[in-house]
Amino acid sequence: METRKKDIRALTRDQLRDFFVSQGDKAFRGNQVYEWLWQKSAHSFDVMTNLSKTTRDMLESNFVINHIQVDQMQRSSDGTIKNAVRLHDDLVVESVLIPTKTRTTACVSSQVGCSLDCKFCATARLKRMRNLNPDEIYDQVVAIDNESRLYFDRPLSNIVFMGMGEPLMNYNNVLKAIDKITSPEGLGMSPKRITVSTSGVPKLIKKMADDAVKFKLAVSLHSAIDETRTAIMPFNATFTLADLREALVYWYQKTKSRITYEYVVWEGINDQRKDVDALVEFCRFAPSKVNLIEYNPIDDGDFQQASNTAIEMYVETLERNGITVTVRRSRGKDIDAACGQLANKS
């Protein structure tokens, strides 16, 4: 029976060095391979031209590089690009390139499907099949960086973990991926240009604070009233707003980093004065920013975008209370690439 080859990108630099020593070679060969894998994003051993053919053949016989393939790329009328990304086991996730005049942002996935059950999100209708590995997250960023350079003549500037999946439910792999993305030995991006968006897992928000992460935190809030939030995000019955707020207080005390709240206003759900008043009260404990997001329908009538009057009420009330607020228009709706629409319909 054939032994299954190990994915070489699961090895640390030290493990690569040890492997070469075990083969009777020099440890620095491990450094060379590590650089090819993470700085140069090599997808085959053949391209590692500073290694001898014998060494490349030896690597080929022992390891694989389980890289992603962009199966399909769609371009929106507004310039947004959506990738259907095929993984080594033929599962598919989606990632998005969002261009503006000043920057390009990668929206990347962290799970195949999602661990949570938000009723307004298309991804939540897909069962969680598995977590993505660090290299699969990293590869999405590399693919979008290449597209940014090709189509917009500039490198990728920002990354948001707002694609498929709940990033904190894949905590270790997400942090390992970010380490590779930000390391000078990897892509060398600044962690300040990375935002991890969570629906709110209190224990893991505290762990991020303890781990002294340098990236930004965003919370998909959508209501600061428990009854309302549980109705649209049922996991809130377990991870209550009180627990979430306690974790966010801890986050701010440890990091002094402003919190961004992602917030959709729906007609008849959270478009009343009591809803915005509860949000103001929830925001009071730390400097925060509220992104009011345009809703993107997912083929049913349960959720409808609130009126402009309701949005204006939110903006006026938040600003009057000294809370930064922006109204964010969706991008890529015509190719189902907007927030909440990623569901492998490509």
C-alpha atoms as a PDB file:
ATOM      1  CA  MET A   1       0.000   0.000   0.000  1.00  0.00           C
ATOM      2  CA  GLU A   2       1.415   3.373  -1.042  1.00  0.00           C
ATOM      3  CA  THR A   3       2.372   5.687   1.802  1.00  0.00           C
ATOM      4  CA  ARG A   4       0.551   8.985   1.626  1.00  0.00           C
ATOM      5  CA  LYS A   5       2.953  11.870   1.123  1.00  0.00           C
ATOM      6  CA  LYS A   6       2.992  14.641   3.697  1.00  0.00           C
ATOM      7  CA  ASP A   7       2.163  18.212   2.689  1.00  0.00           C
ATOM      8  CA  ILE A   8       5.539  19.929   3.008  1.00  0.00           C
ATOM      9  CA  ARG A   9       3.942  23.207   4.087  1.00  0.00           C
ATOM     10  CA  ALA A  10       2.831  21.539   7.314  1.00  0.00           C
ATOM     11  CA  LEU A  11       6.500  21.512   8.372  1.00  0.00           C
ATOM     12  CA  THR A  12       8.144  24.343  10.259  1.00  0.00           C
ATOM     13  CA  ARG A  13      11.469  25.796   9.145  1.00  0.00           C
ATOM     14  CA  ASP A  14      13.255  23.804  11.879  1.00  0.00           C
ATOM     15  CA  GLN A  15      11.540  20.591  10.804  1.00  0.00           C
ATOM     16  CA  LEU A  16      12.645  21.198   7.215  1.00  0.00           C
ATOM     17  CA  ARG A  17      16.212  21.769   8.377  1.00  0.00           C
ATOM     18  CA  ASP A  18      16.091  18.554  10.440  1.00  0.00           C
ATOM     19  CA  PHE A  19      14.719  16.640   7.464  1.00  0.00           C
ATOM     20  CA  PHE A  20      17.651  17.633   5.263  1.00  0.00           C
ATOM     21  CA  VAL A  21      20.131  16.708   7.994  1.00  0.00           C
ATOM     22  CA  SER A  22      18.425  13.298   8.269  1.00  0.00           C
ATOM     23  CA  GLN A  23      18.995  12.879   4.511  1.00  0.00           C
ATOM     24  CA  GLY A  24      22.712  13.593   4.926  1.00  0.00           C
ATOM     25  CA  ASP A  25      22.416  17.091   3.468  1.00  0.00           C
ATOM     26  CA  LYS A  26      23.091  20.549   4.912  1.00  0.00           C
ATOM     27  CA  ALA A  27      20.535  22.172   7.221  1.00  0.00           C
ATOM     28  CA  PHE A  28      20.490  25.387   5.187  1.00  0.00           C
ATOM     29  CA  ARG A  29      18.690  23.510   2.398  1.00  0.00           C
ATOM     30  CA  GLY A  30      15.653  23.662   4.659  1.00  0.00           C
ATOM     31  CA  ASN A  31      15.940  27.452   4.698  1.00  0.00           C
ATOM     32  CA  GLN A  32      16.025  27.519   0.901  1.00  0.00           C
ATOM     33  CA  VAL A  33      12.914  25.348   0.601  1.00  0.00           C
ATOM     34  CA  TYR A  34      11.097  27.367   3.256  1.00  0.00           C
ATOM     35  CA  GLU A  35      11.781  30.552   1.280  1.00  0.00           C
ATOM     36  CA  TRP A  36      10.437  28.978  -1.907  1.00  0.00           C
ATOM     37  CA  LEU A  37       7.282  27.850  -0.136  1.00  0.00           C
ATOM     38  CA  TRP A  38       6.392  31.009   1.771  1.00  0.00           C
ATOM     39  CA  GLN A  39       8.151  33.994   0.180  1.00  0.00           C
ATOM     40  CA  LYS A  40       7.944  32.860  -3.419  1.00  0.00           C
ATOM     41  CA  SER A  41       4.713  30.832  -3.071  1.00  0.00           C
ATOM     42  CA  ALA A  42       6.114  27.911  -5.073  1.00  0.00           C
ATOM     43  CA  HIS A  43       3.548  25.315  -6.118  1.00  0.00           C
ATOM     44  CA  SER A  44       5.998  22.716  -7.390  1.00  0.00           C
ATOM     45  CA  PHE A  45       9.459  21.485  -6.522  1.00  0.00           C
ATOM     46  CA  ASP A  46      10.611  21.889 -10.118  1.00  0.00           C
ATOM     47  CA  VAL A  47      10.704  25.685  -9.814  1.00  0.00           C
ATOM     48  CA  MET A  48      13.177  25.532  -6.894  1.00  0.00           C
ATOM     49  CA  THR A  49      16.079  26.214  -9.214  1.00  0.00           C
ATOM     50  CA  ASN A  50      18.758  26.752  -6.562  1.00  0.00           C
ATOM     51  CA  LEU A  51      18.343  23.091  -5.571  1.00  0.00           C
ATOM     52  CA  SER A  52      19.911  20.279  -7.557  1.00  0.00           C
ATOM     53  CA  LYS A  53      17.712  18.023  -9.683  1.00  0.00           C
ATOM     54  CA  THR A  54      18.539  15.162  -7.314  1.00  0.00           C
ATOM     55  CA  THR A  55      17.340  17.193  -4.314  1.00  0.00           C
ATOM     56  CA  ARG A  56      14.135  18.226  -6.096  1.00  0.00           C
ATOM     57  CA  ASP A  57      13.429  14.594  -7.022  1.00  0.00           C
ATOM     58  CA  MET A  58      14.022  13.564  -3.408  1.00  0.00           C
ATOM     59  CA  LEU A  59      11.510  16.184  -2.231  1.00  0.00           C
ATOM     60  CA  GLU A  60       9.020  15.021  -4.866  1.00  0.00           C
ATOM     61  CA  SER A  61       9.265  11.457  -3.627  1.00  0.00           C
ATOM     62  CA  ASN A  62       8.663  12.441  -0.001  1.00  0.00           C
ATOM     63  CA  PHE A  63       6.248  15.394  -0.082  1.00  0.00           C
ATOM     64  CA  VAL A  64       3.430  17.160  -1.899  1.00  0.00           C
ATOM     65  CA  ILE A  65       2.472  20.853  -2.060  1.00  0.00           C
ATOM     66  CA  ASN A  66      -1.311  20.893  -1.668  1.00  0.00           C
ATOM     67  CA  HIS A  67      -1.897  24.263  -3.312  1.00  0.00           C
ATOM     68  CA  ILE A  68      -5.281  25.706  -4.275  1.00  0.00           C
ATOM     69  CA  GLN A  69      -6.613  26.184  -7.800  1.00  0.00           C
ATOM     70  CA  VAL A  70      -8.788  29.123  -8.831  1.00  0.00           C
ATOM     71  CA  ASP A  71     -11.476  27.115 -10.644  1.00  0.00           C
ATOM     72  CA  GLN A  72     -13.533  30.074 -11.772  1.00  0.00           C
ATOM     73  CA  MET A  73     -13.050  33.834 -11.627  1.00  0.00           C
ATOM     74  CA  GLN A  74     -16.009  36.194 -12.009  1.00  0.00           C
ATOM     75  CA  ARG A  75     -15.752  39.954 -12.481  1.00  0.00           C
ATOM     76  CA  SER A  76     -18.490  42.306 -11.330  1.00  0.00           C
ATOM     77  CA  SER A  77     -19.578  45.449 -13.147  1.00  0.00           C
ATOM     78  CA  ASP A  78     -18.053  47.415 -10.238  1.00  0.00           C
ATOM     79  CA  GLY A  79     -14.646  45.720 -10.615  1.00  0.00           C
ATOM     80  CA  THR A  80     -15.045  43.227  -7.778  1.00  0.00           C
ATOM     81  CA  ILE A  81     -13.570  39.784  -8.507  1.00  0.00           C
ATOM     82  CA  LYS A  82     -14.858  36.552  -6.985  1.00  0.00           C
ATOM     83  CA  ASN A  83     -12.765  33.376  -7.011  1.00  0.00           C
ATOM     84  CA  ALA A  84     -14.153  29.879  -6.697  1.00  0.00           C
ATOM     85  CA  VAL A  85     -11.192  28.178  -5.040  1.00  0.00           C
ATOM     86  CA  ARG A  86     -10.794  24.408  -5.351  1.00  0.00           C
ATOM     87  CA  LEU A  87      -8.892  22.725  -2.528  1.00  0.00           C
ATOM     88  CA  HIS A  88      -6.731  19.612  -2.800  1.00  0.00           C
ATOM     89  CA  ASP A  89      -9.662  17.400  -1.704  1.00  0.00           C
ATOM     90  CA  ASP A  90     -12.013  18.957  -4.311  1.00  0.00           C
ATOM     91  CA  LEU A  91     -13.976  21.009  -1.804  1.00  0.00           C
ATOM     92  CA  VAL A  92     -14.614  24.597  -2.884  1.00  0.00           C
ATOM     93  CA  VAL A  93     -14.562  27.919  -1.032  1.00  0.00           C
ATOM     94  CA  GLU A  94     -14.872  31.476  -2.301  1.00  0.00           C
ATOM     95  CA  SER A  95     -12.722  34.564  -1.886  1.00  0.00           C
ATOM     96  CA  VAL A  96     -13.207  38.100  -3.149  1.00  0.00           C
ATOM     97  CA  LEU A  97     -11.039  40.981  -4.368  1.00  0.00           C
ATOM     98  CA  ILE A  98     -12.628  44.362  -3.619  1.00  0.00           C
ATOM     99  CA  PRO A  99     -10.993  47.310  -5.420  1.00  0.00           C
ATOM    100  CA  THR A 100     -11.322  51.017  -4.649  1.00  0.00           C
ATOM    101  CA  LYS A 101      -9.433  54.003  -6.031  1.00  0.00           C
ATOM    102  CA  THR A 102      -6.884  53.833  -3.209  1.00  0.00           C
ATOM    103  CA  ARG A 103      -6.605  50.179  -2.233  1.00  0.00           C
ATOM    104  CA  THR A 104      -7.468  46.568  -2.955  1.00  0.00           C
ATOM    105  CA  THR A 105      -8.864  44.305  -0.241  1.00  0.00           C
ATOM    106  CA  ALA A 106      -8.919  40.516  -0.094  1.00  0.00           C
ATOM    107  CA  CYS A 107     -11.927  38.946   1.601  1.00  0.00           C
ATOM    108  CA  VAL A 108     -10.822  35.411   2.468  1.00  0.00           C
ATOM    109  CA  SER A 109     -12.527  32.297   3.776  1.00  0.00           C
ATOM    110  CA  SER A 110     -11.476  30.317   6.830  1.00  0.00           C
ATOM    111  CA  GLN A 111     -13.827  27.301   6.725  1.00  0.00           C
ATOM    112  CA  VAL A 112     -15.598  25.197   4.122  1.00  0.00           C
ATOM    113  CA  GLY A 113     -19.136  26.171   5.061  1.00  0.00           C
ATOM    114  CA  CYS A 114     -19.632  27.675   8.517  1.00  0.00           C
ATOM    115  CA  SER A 115     -19.807  26.555  12.130  1.00  0.00           C
ATOM    116  CA  LEU A 116     -22.551  29.048  13.020  1.00  0.00           C
ATOM    117  CA  ASP A 117     -26.177  29.501  12.043  1.00  0.00           C
ATOM    118  CA  CYS A 118     -26.904  33.127  11.164  1.00  0.00           C
ATOM    119  CA  LYS A 119     -30.264  33.101   9.364  1.00  0.00           C
ATOM    120  CA  PHE A 120     -29.456  35.979   7.014  1.00  0.00           C
ATOM    121  CA  CYS A 121     -26.216  34.493   5.630  1.00  0.00           C
ATOM    122  CA  ALA A 122     -26.026  32.156   2.627  1.00  0.00           C
ATOM    123  CA  THR A 123     -22.820  30.539   3.889  1.00  0.00           C
ATOM    124  CA  ALA A 124     -24.580  29.468   7.103  1.00  0.00           C
ATOM    125  CA  ARG A 125     -26.871  27.274   5.001  1.00  0.00           C
ATOM    126  CA  LEU A 126     -23.868  25.158   4.061  1.00  0.00           C
ATOM    127  CA  LYS A 127     -22.856  22.682   6.723  1.00  0.00           C
ATOM    128  CA  ARG A 128     -19.299  23.109   7.990  1.00  0.00           C
ATOM    129  CA  MET A 129     -17.296  20.456   6.217  1.00  0.00           C
ATOM    130  CA  ARG A 130     -13.872  21.309   7.561  1.00  0.00           C
ATOM    131  CA  ASN A 131     -11.497  24.048   8.616  1.00  0.00           C
ATOM    132  CA  LEU A 132      -9.057  25.458   6.102  1.00  0.00           C
ATOM    133  CA  ASN A 133      -5.368  24.807   6.670  1.00  0.00           C
ATOM    134  CA  PRO A 134      -2.990  27.765   7.095  1.00  0.00           C
ATOM    135  CA  ASP A 135      -1.544  27.272   3.601  1.00  0.00           C
ATOM    136  CA  GLU A 136      -5.050  27.278   2.047  1.00  0.00           C
ATOM    137  CA  ILE A 137      -5.799  30.637   3.657  1.00  0.00           C
ATOM    138  CA  TYR A 138      -2.381  31.947   2.616  1.00  0.00           C
ATOM    139  CA  ASP A 139      -2.922  30.751  -0.968  1.00  0.00           C
ATOM    140  CA  GLN A 140      -6.165  32.747  -1.252  1.00  0.00           C
ATOM    141  CA  VAL A 141      -4.210  35.885  -0.358  1.00  0.00           C
ATOM    142  CA  VAL A 142      -1.464  35.106  -2.877  1.00  0.00           C
ATOM    143  CA  ALA A 143      -4.039  34.521  -5.643  1.00  0.00           C
ATOM    144  CA  ILE A 144      -5.792  37.816  -4.920  1.00  0.00           C
ATOM    145  CA  ASP A 145      -2.490  39.692  -4.687  1.00  0.00           C
ATOM    146  CA  ASN A 146      -1.614  38.377  -8.147  1.00  0.00           C
ATOM    147  CA  GLU A 147      -5.014  39.489  -9.482  1.00  0.00           C
ATOM    148  CA  SER A 148      -4.609  42.912  -7.869  1.00  0.00           C
ATOM    149  CA  ARG A 149      -1.268  43.377  -9.611  1.00  0.00           C
ATOM    150  CA  LEU A 150      -2.607  42.079 -12.933  1.00  0.00           C
ATOM    151  CA  TYR A 151      -5.920  43.944 -13.106  1.00  0.00           C
ATOM    152  CA  PHE A 152      -5.292  47.027 -10.950  1.00  0.00           C
ATOM    153  CA  ASP A 153      -1.525  47.469 -11.269  1.00  0.00           C
ATOM    154  CA  ARG A 154      -0.911  47.549  -7.536  1.00  0.00           C
ATOM    155  CA  PRO A 155      -0.247  45.006  -4.760  1.00  0.00           C
ATOM    156  CA  LEU A 156      -2.915  43.892  -2.356  1.00  0.00           C
ATOM    157  CA  SER A 157      -3.209  46.406   0.482  1.00  0.00           C
ATOM    158  CA  ASN A 158      -5.723  44.931   2.969  1.00  0.00           C
ATOM    159  CA  ILE A 159      -7.134  41.590   4.105  1.00  0.00           C
ATOM    160  CA  VAL A 160     -10.437  40.898   5.846  1.00  0.00           C
ATOM    161  CA  PHE A 161     -11.449  37.517   7.244  1.00  0.00           C
ATOM    162  CA  MET A 162     -15.082  37.996   6.255  1.00  0.00           C
ATOM    163  CA  GLY A 163     -15.478  35.204   3.724  1.00  0.00           C
ATOM    164  CA  MET A 164     -16.931  31.771   4.349  1.00  0.00           C
ATOM    165  CA  GLY A 165     -16.714  30.480   7.916  1.00  0.00           C
ATOM    166  CA  GLU A 166     -16.258  31.764  11.453  1.00  0.00           C
ATOM    167  CA  PRO A 167     -12.524  32.538  11.787  1.00  0.00           C
ATOM    168  CA  LEU A 168     -12.389  32.054  15.552  1.00  0.00           C
ATOM    169  CA  MET A 169     -13.769  28.524  15.172  1.00  0.00           C
ATOM    170  CA  ASN A 170     -10.563  27.826  13.215  1.00  0.00           C
ATOM    171  CA  TYR A 171      -8.426  29.804  15.626  1.00  0.00           C
ATOM    172  CA  ASN A 172      -5.033  28.098  15.404  1.00  0.00           C
ATOM    173  CA  ASN A 173      -4.965  27.815  11.616  1.00  0.00           C
ATOM    174  CA  VAL A 174      -6.116  31.414  11.107  1.00  0.00           C
ATOM    175  CA  LEU A 175      -3.359  32.709  13.387  1.00  0.00           C
ATOM    176  CA  LYS A 176      -0.762  30.502  11.693  1.00  0.00           C
ATOM    177  CA  ALA A 177      -1.879  31.836   8.308  1.00  0.00           C
ATOM    178  CA  ILE A 178      -1.681  35.431   9.504  1.00  0.00           C
ATOM    179  CA  ASP A 179       1.799  34.734  10.852  1.00  0.00           C
ATOM    180  CA  LYS A 180       2.907  33.539   7.397  1.00  0.00           C
ATOM    181  CA  ILE A 181       1.184  36.483   5.679  1.00  0.00           C
ATOM    182  CA  THR A 182       2.801  39.074   7.965  1.00  0.00           C
ATOM    183  CA  SER A 183       6.221  37.504   8.485  1.00  0.00           C
ATOM    184  CA  PRO A 184       9.213  38.990   6.619  1.00  0.00           C
ATOM    185  CA  GLU A 185       9.887  35.347   5.716  1.00  0.00           C
ATOM    186  CA  GLY A 186       6.415  35.167   4.135  1.00  0.00           C
ATOM    187  CA  LEU A 187       4.430  37.906   2.390  1.00  0.00           C
ATOM    188  CA  GLY A 188       5.571  40.669   4.750  1.00  0.00           C
ATOM    189  CA  MET A 189       2.186  42.425   5.038  1.00  0.00           C
ATOM    190  CA  SER A 190       1.476  44.644   8.044  1.00  0.00           C
ATOM    191  CA  PRO A 191      -0.894  43.067  10.613  1.00  0.00           C
ATOM    192  CA  LYS A 192      -2.517  46.511  10.926  1.00  0.00           C
ATOM    193  CA  ARG A 193      -3.892  45.957   7.435  1.00  0.00           C
ATOM    194  CA  ILE A 194      -5.638  42.735   8.476  1.00  0.00           C
ATOM    195  CA  THR A 195      -9.083  42.546  10.103  1.00  0.00           C
ATOM    196  CA  VAL A 196     -10.540  39.367  11.589  1.00  0.00           C
ATOM    197  CA  SER A 197     -14.329  39.484  11.717  1.00  0.00           C
ATOM    198  CA  THR A 198     -16.156  37.277  14.204  1.00  0.00           C
ATOM    199  CA  SER A 199     -19.782  36.753  15.058  1.00  0.00           C
ATOM    200  CA  GLY A 200     -18.635  36.750  18.671  1.00  0.00           C
ATOM    201  CA  VAL A 201     -17.015  33.827  20.487  1.00  0.00           C
ATOM    202  CA  PRO A 202     -16.193  35.338  23.910  1.00  0.00           C
ATOM    203  CA  LYS A 203     -13.603  32.796  25.075  1.00  0.00           C
ATOM    204  CA  LEU A 204     -11.618  33.130  21.851  1.00  0.00           C
ATOM    205  CA  ILE A 205     -11.811  36.938  21.786  1.00  0.00           C
ATOM    206  CA  LYS A 206     -10.149  36.840  25.211  1.00  0.00           C
ATOM    207  CA  LYS A 207      -7.577  34.373  23.895  1.00  0.00           C
ATOM    208  CA  MET A 208      -6.725  36.753  21.043  1.00  0.00           C
ATOM    209  CA  ALA A 209      -6.132  39.493  23.600  1.00  0.00           C
ATOM    210  CA  ASP A 210      -3.919  37.179  25.671  1.00  0.00           C
ATOM    211  CA  ASP A 211      -2.015  36.194  22.530  1.00  0.00           C
ATOM    212  CA  ALA A 212      -1.325  39.913  21.902  1.00  0.00           C
ATOM    213  CA  VAL A 213      -2.395  39.781  18.269  1.00  0.00           C
ATOM    214  CA  LYS A 214      -1.627  42.889  16.200  1.00  0.00           C
ATOM    215  CA  PHE A 215      -4.448  42.681  13.675  1.00  0.00           C
ATOM    216  CA  LYS A 216      -7.799  44.459  13.966  1.00  0.00           C
ATOM    217  CA  LEU A 217     -11.012  43.019  15.375  1.00  0.00           C
ATOM    218  CA  ALA A 218     -14.483  43.367  13.866  1.00  0.00           C
ATOM    219  CA  VAL A 219     -17.660  41.949  15.390  1.00  0.00           C
ATOM    220  CA  SER A 220     -20.779  41.074  13.384  1.00  0.00           C
ATOM    221  CA  LEU A 221     -23.267  42.430  15.900  1.00  0.00           C
ATOM    222  CA  HIS A 222     -26.542  43.279  14.087  1.00  0.00           C
ATOM    223  CA  SER A 223     -28.436  43.757  17.345  1.00  0.00           C
ATOM    224  CA  ALA A 224     -27.586  44.759  20.915  1.00  0.00           C
ATOM    225  CA  ILE A 225     -30.844  43.245  22.225  1.00  0.00           C
ATOM    226  CA  ASP A 226     -30.501  39.571  23.189  1.00  0.00           C
ATOM    227  CA  GLU A 227     -33.971  38.506  22.066  1.00  0.00           C
ATOM    228  CA  THR A 228     -33.538  40.095  18.640  1.00  0.00           C
ATOM    229  CA  ARG A 229     -29.987  38.850  18.152  1.00  0.00           C
ATOM    230  CA  THR A 230     -30.887  35.289  19.135  1.00  0.00           C
ATOM    231  CA  ALA A 231     -33.759  35.300  16.632  1.00  0.00           C
ATOM    232  CA  ILE A 232     -31.421  36.090  13.733  1.00  0.00           C
ATOM    233  CA  MET A 233     -28.197  34.575  15.129  1.00  0.00           C
ATOM    234  CA  PRO A 234     -29.328  31.561  17.207  1.00  0.00           C
ATOM    235  CA  PHE A 235     -25.857  30.852  18.658  1.00  0.00           C
ATOM    236  CA  ASN A 236     -26.370  34.064  20.677  1.00  0.00           C
ATOM    237  CA  ALA A 237     -28.385  31.916  23.093  1.00  0.00           C
ATOM    238  CA  THR A 238     -25.040  30.322  24.034  1.00  0.00           C
ATOM    239  CA  PHE A 239     -22.692  33.273  23.456  1.00  0.00           C
ATOM    240  CA  THR A 240     -24.870  36.001  24.985  1.00  0.00           C
ATOM    241  CA  LEU A 241     -24.403  39.722  24.556  1.00  0.00           C
ATOM    242  CA  ALA A 242     -23.360  40.034  28.211  1.00  0.00           C
ATOM    243  CA  ASP A 243     -20.593  37.468  27.660  1.00  0.00           C
ATOM    244  CA  LEU A 244     -19.602  39.111  24.378  1.00  0.00           C
ATOM    245  CA  ARG A 245     -19.393  42.539  25.964  1.00  0.00           C
ATOM    246  CA  GLU A 246     -17.300  41.190  28.853  1.00  0.00           C
ATOM    247  CA  ALA A 247     -14.884  39.657  26.332  1.00  0.00           C
ATOM    248  CA  LEU A 248     -14.696  42.898  24.348  1.00  0.00           C
ATOM    249  CA  VAL A 249     -14.005  44.892  27.519  1.00  0.00           C
ATOM    250  CA  TYR A 250     -11.145  42.465  28.181  1.00  0.00           C
ATOM    251  CA  TRP A 251      -9.942  42.845  24.577  1.00  0.00           C
ATOM    252  CA  TYR A 252      -9.841  46.626  24.832  1.00  0.00           C
ATOM    253  CA  GLN A 253      -8.166  46.649  28.248  1.00  0.00           C
ATOM    254  CA  LYS A 254      -5.402  44.359  26.934  1.00  0.00           C
ATOM    255  CA  THR A 255      -4.928  45.780  23.436  1.00  0.00           C
ATOM    256  CA  LYS A 256      -6.220  49.397  23.535  1.00  0.00           C
ATOM    257  CA  SER A 257      -7.424  48.623  19.999  1.00  0.00           C
ATOM    258  CA  ARG A 258     -10.663  50.135  18.710  1.00  0.00           C
ATOM    259  CA  ILE A 259     -13.475  47.673  17.962  1.00  0.00           C
ATOM    260  CA  THR A 260     -15.424  47.746  14.708  1.00  0.00           C
ATOM    261  CA  TYR A 261     -19.039  46.563  14.725  1.00  0.00           C
ATOM    262  CA  GLU A 262     -20.530  45.268  11.482  1.00  0.00           C
ATOM    263  CA  TYR A 263     -24.248  45.972  11.540  1.00  0.00           C
ATOM    264  CA  VAL A 264     -27.062  45.398   9.041  1.00  0.00           C
ATOM    265  CA  VAL A 265     -30.388  47.182   9.622  1.00  0.00           C
ATOM    266  CA  TRP A 266     -33.415  45.164   8.466  1.00  0.00           C
ATOM    267  CA  GLU A 267     -36.985  46.288   8.084  1.00  0.00           C
ATOM    268  CA  GLY A 268     -39.155  45.151  10.987  1.00  0.00           C
ATOM    269  CA  ILE A 269     -36.259  43.459  12.804  1.00  0.00           C
ATOM    270  CA  ASN A 270     -33.859  46.091  14.175  1.00  0.00           C
ATOM    271  CA  ASP A 271     -35.025  49.379  12.626  1.00  0.00           C
ATOM    272  CA  GLN A 272     -36.656  50.987  15.678  1.00  0.00           C
ATOM    273  CA  ARG A 273     -35.444  53.642  18.113  1.00  0.00           C
ATOM    274  CA  LYS A 274     -34.977  50.994  20.842  1.00  0.00           C
ATOM    275  CA  ASP A 275     -32.546  49.151  18.575  1.00  0.00           C
ATOM    276  CA  VAL A 276     -30.227  52.091  17.963  1.00  0.00           C
ATOM    277  CA  ASP A 277     -30.418  53.113  21.639  1.00  0.00           C
ATOM    278  CA  ALA A 278     -29.317  49.594  22.657  1.00  0.00           C
ATOM    279  CA  LEU A 279     -26.438  49.786  20.179  1.00  0.00           C
ATOM    280  CA  VAL A 280     -25.287  53.126  21.602  1.00  0.00           C
ATOM    281  CA  GLU A 281     -25.322  51.664  25.103  1.00  0.00           C
ATOM    282  CA  PHE A 282     -23.399  48.572  23.959  1.00  0.00           C
ATOM    283  CA  CYS A 283     -20.689  50.744  22.375  1.00  0.00           C
ATOM    284  CA  ARG A 284     -20.054  52.960  25.399  1.00  0.00           C
ATOM    285  CA  PHE A 285     -17.330  50.935  27.128  1.00  0.00           C
ATOM    286  CA  ALA A 286     -14.584  51.431  24.507  1.00  0.00           C
ATOM    287  CA  PRO A 287     -13.730  53.463  21.412  1.00  0.00           C
ATOM    288  CA  SER A 288     -15.600  51.872  18.533  1.00  0.00           C
ATOM    289  CA  LYS A 289     -16.696  52.259  14.961  1.00  0.00           C
ATOM    290  CA  VAL A 290     -19.981  51.058  13.489  1.00  0.00           C
ATOM    291  CA  ASN A 291     -20.146  49.976   9.847  1.00  0.00           C
ATOM    292  CA  LEU A 292     -23.768  50.021   8.701  1.00  0.00           C
ATOM    293  CA  ILE A 293     -23.795  47.464   5.880  1.00  0.00           C
ATOM    294  CA  GLU A 294     -26.221  47.328   3.002  1.00  0.00           C
ATOM    295  CA  TYR A 295     -28.112  44.026   3.091  1.00  0.00           C
ATOM    296  CA  ASN A 296     -27.623  41.541   0.283  1.00  0.00           C
ATOM    297  CA  PRO A 297     -30.644  39.285  -0.254  1.00  0.00           C
ATOM    298  CA  ILE A 298     -30.184  35.499  -0.342  1.00  0.00           C
ATOM    299  CA  ASP A 299     -33.305  34.468  -2.297  1.00  0.00           C
ATOM    300  CA  ASP A 300     -35.961  34.677   0.385  1.00  0.00           C
ATOM    301  CA  GLY A 301     -38.188  37.384   1.816  1.00  0.00           C
ATOM    302  CA  ASP A 302     -37.469  36.967   5.521  1.00  0.00           C
ATOM    303  CA  PHE A 303     -34.928  39.803   5.536  1.00  0.00           C
ATOM    304  CA  GLN A 304     -35.406  43.117   3.753  1.00  0.00           C
ATOM    305  CA  GLN A 305     -33.144  46.166   3.706  1.00  0.00           C
ATOM    306  CA  ALA A 306     -34.411  48.850   6.081  1.00  0.00           C
ATOM    307  CA  SER A 307     -35.597  52.224   4.824  1.00  0.00           C
ATOM    308  CA  ASN A 308     -33.276  55.168   4.331  1.00  0.00           C
ATOM    309  CA  THR A 309     -35.128  56.843   7.209  1.00  0.00           C
ATOM    310  CA  ALA A 310     -34.059  54.056   9.574  1.00  0.00           C
ATOM    311  CA  ILE A 311     -30.452  54.237   8.368  1.00  0.00           C
ATOM    312  CA  GLU A 312     -30.463  58.005   8.864  1.00  0.00           C
ATOM    313  CA  MET A 313     -31.792  57.523  12.403  1.00  0.00           C
ATOM    314  CA  TYR A 314     -28.881  55.197  13.174  1.00  0.00           C
ATOM    315  CA  VAL A 315     -26.311  57.579  11.699  1.00  0.00           C
ATOM    316  CA  GLU A 316     -27.700  60.657  13.477  1.00  0.00           C
ATOM    317  CA  THR A 317     -27.998  58.919  16.855  1.00  0.00           C
ATOM    318  CA  LEU A 318     -24.569  57.300  16.721  1.00  0.00           C
ATOM    319  CA  GLU A 319     -22.862  60.521  15.663  1.00  0.00           C
ATOM    320  CA  ARG A 320     -24.677  62.517  18.342  1.00  0.00           C
ATOM    321  CA  ASN A 321     -23.276  60.083  20.899  1.00  0.00           C
ATOM    322  CA  GLY A 322     -19.723  60.427  19.611  1.00  0.00           C
ATOM    323  CA  ILE A 323     -19.578  57.034  17.895  1.00  0.00           C
ATOM    324  CA  THR A 324     -17.899  56.863  14.487  1.00  0.00           C
ATOM    325  CA  VAL A 325     -20.267  55.467  11.870  1.00  0.00           C
ATOM    326  CA  THR A 326     -19.963  54.723   8.164  1.00  0.00           C
ATOM    327  CA  VAL A 327     -22.567  53.466   5.718  1.00  0.00           C
ATOM    328  CA  ARG A 328     -20.940  50.792   3.593  1.00  0.00           C
ATOM    329  CA  ARG A 329     -22.394  50.047   0.183  1.00  0.00           C
ATOM    330  CA  SER A 330     -22.036  46.494  -1.005  1.00  0.00           C
ATOM    331  CA  ARG A 331     -19.737  45.488  -3.837  1.00  0.00           C
ATOM    332  CA  GLY A 332     -20.084  42.576  -6.237  1.00  0.00           C
ATOM    333  CA  LYS A 333     -23.792  41.928  -5.717  1.00  0.00           C
ATOM    334  CA  ASP A 334     -24.300  40.992  -9.373  1.00  0.00           C
ATOM    335  CA  ILE A 335     -21.940  38.001  -8.961  1.00  0.00           C
ATOM    336  CA  ASP A 336     -23.098  37.023  -5.429  1.00  0.00           C
ATOM    337  CA  ALA A 337     -19.803  38.264  -4.007  1.00  0.00           C
ATOM    338  CA  ALA A 338     -21.178  40.687  -1.408  1.00  0.00           C
ATOM    339  CA  CYS A 339     -21.305  40.192   2.362  1.00  0.00           C
ATOM    340  CA  GLY A 340     -23.447  37.198   3.305  1.00  0.00           C
ATOM    341  CA  GLN A 341     -23.797  35.905  -0.265  1.00  0.00           C
ATOM    342  CA  LEU A 342     -20.872  33.457  -0.492  1.00  0.00           C
ATOM    343  CA  ALA A 343     -22.436  30.047  -0.994  1.00  0.00           C
ATOM    344  CA  ASN A 344     -20.523  28.358  -3.851  1.00  0.00           C
ATOM    345  CA  LYS A 345     -23.092  29.327  -6.483  1.00  0.00           C
ATOM    346  CA  SER A 346     -20.388  30.115  -9.052  1.00  0.00           C
END
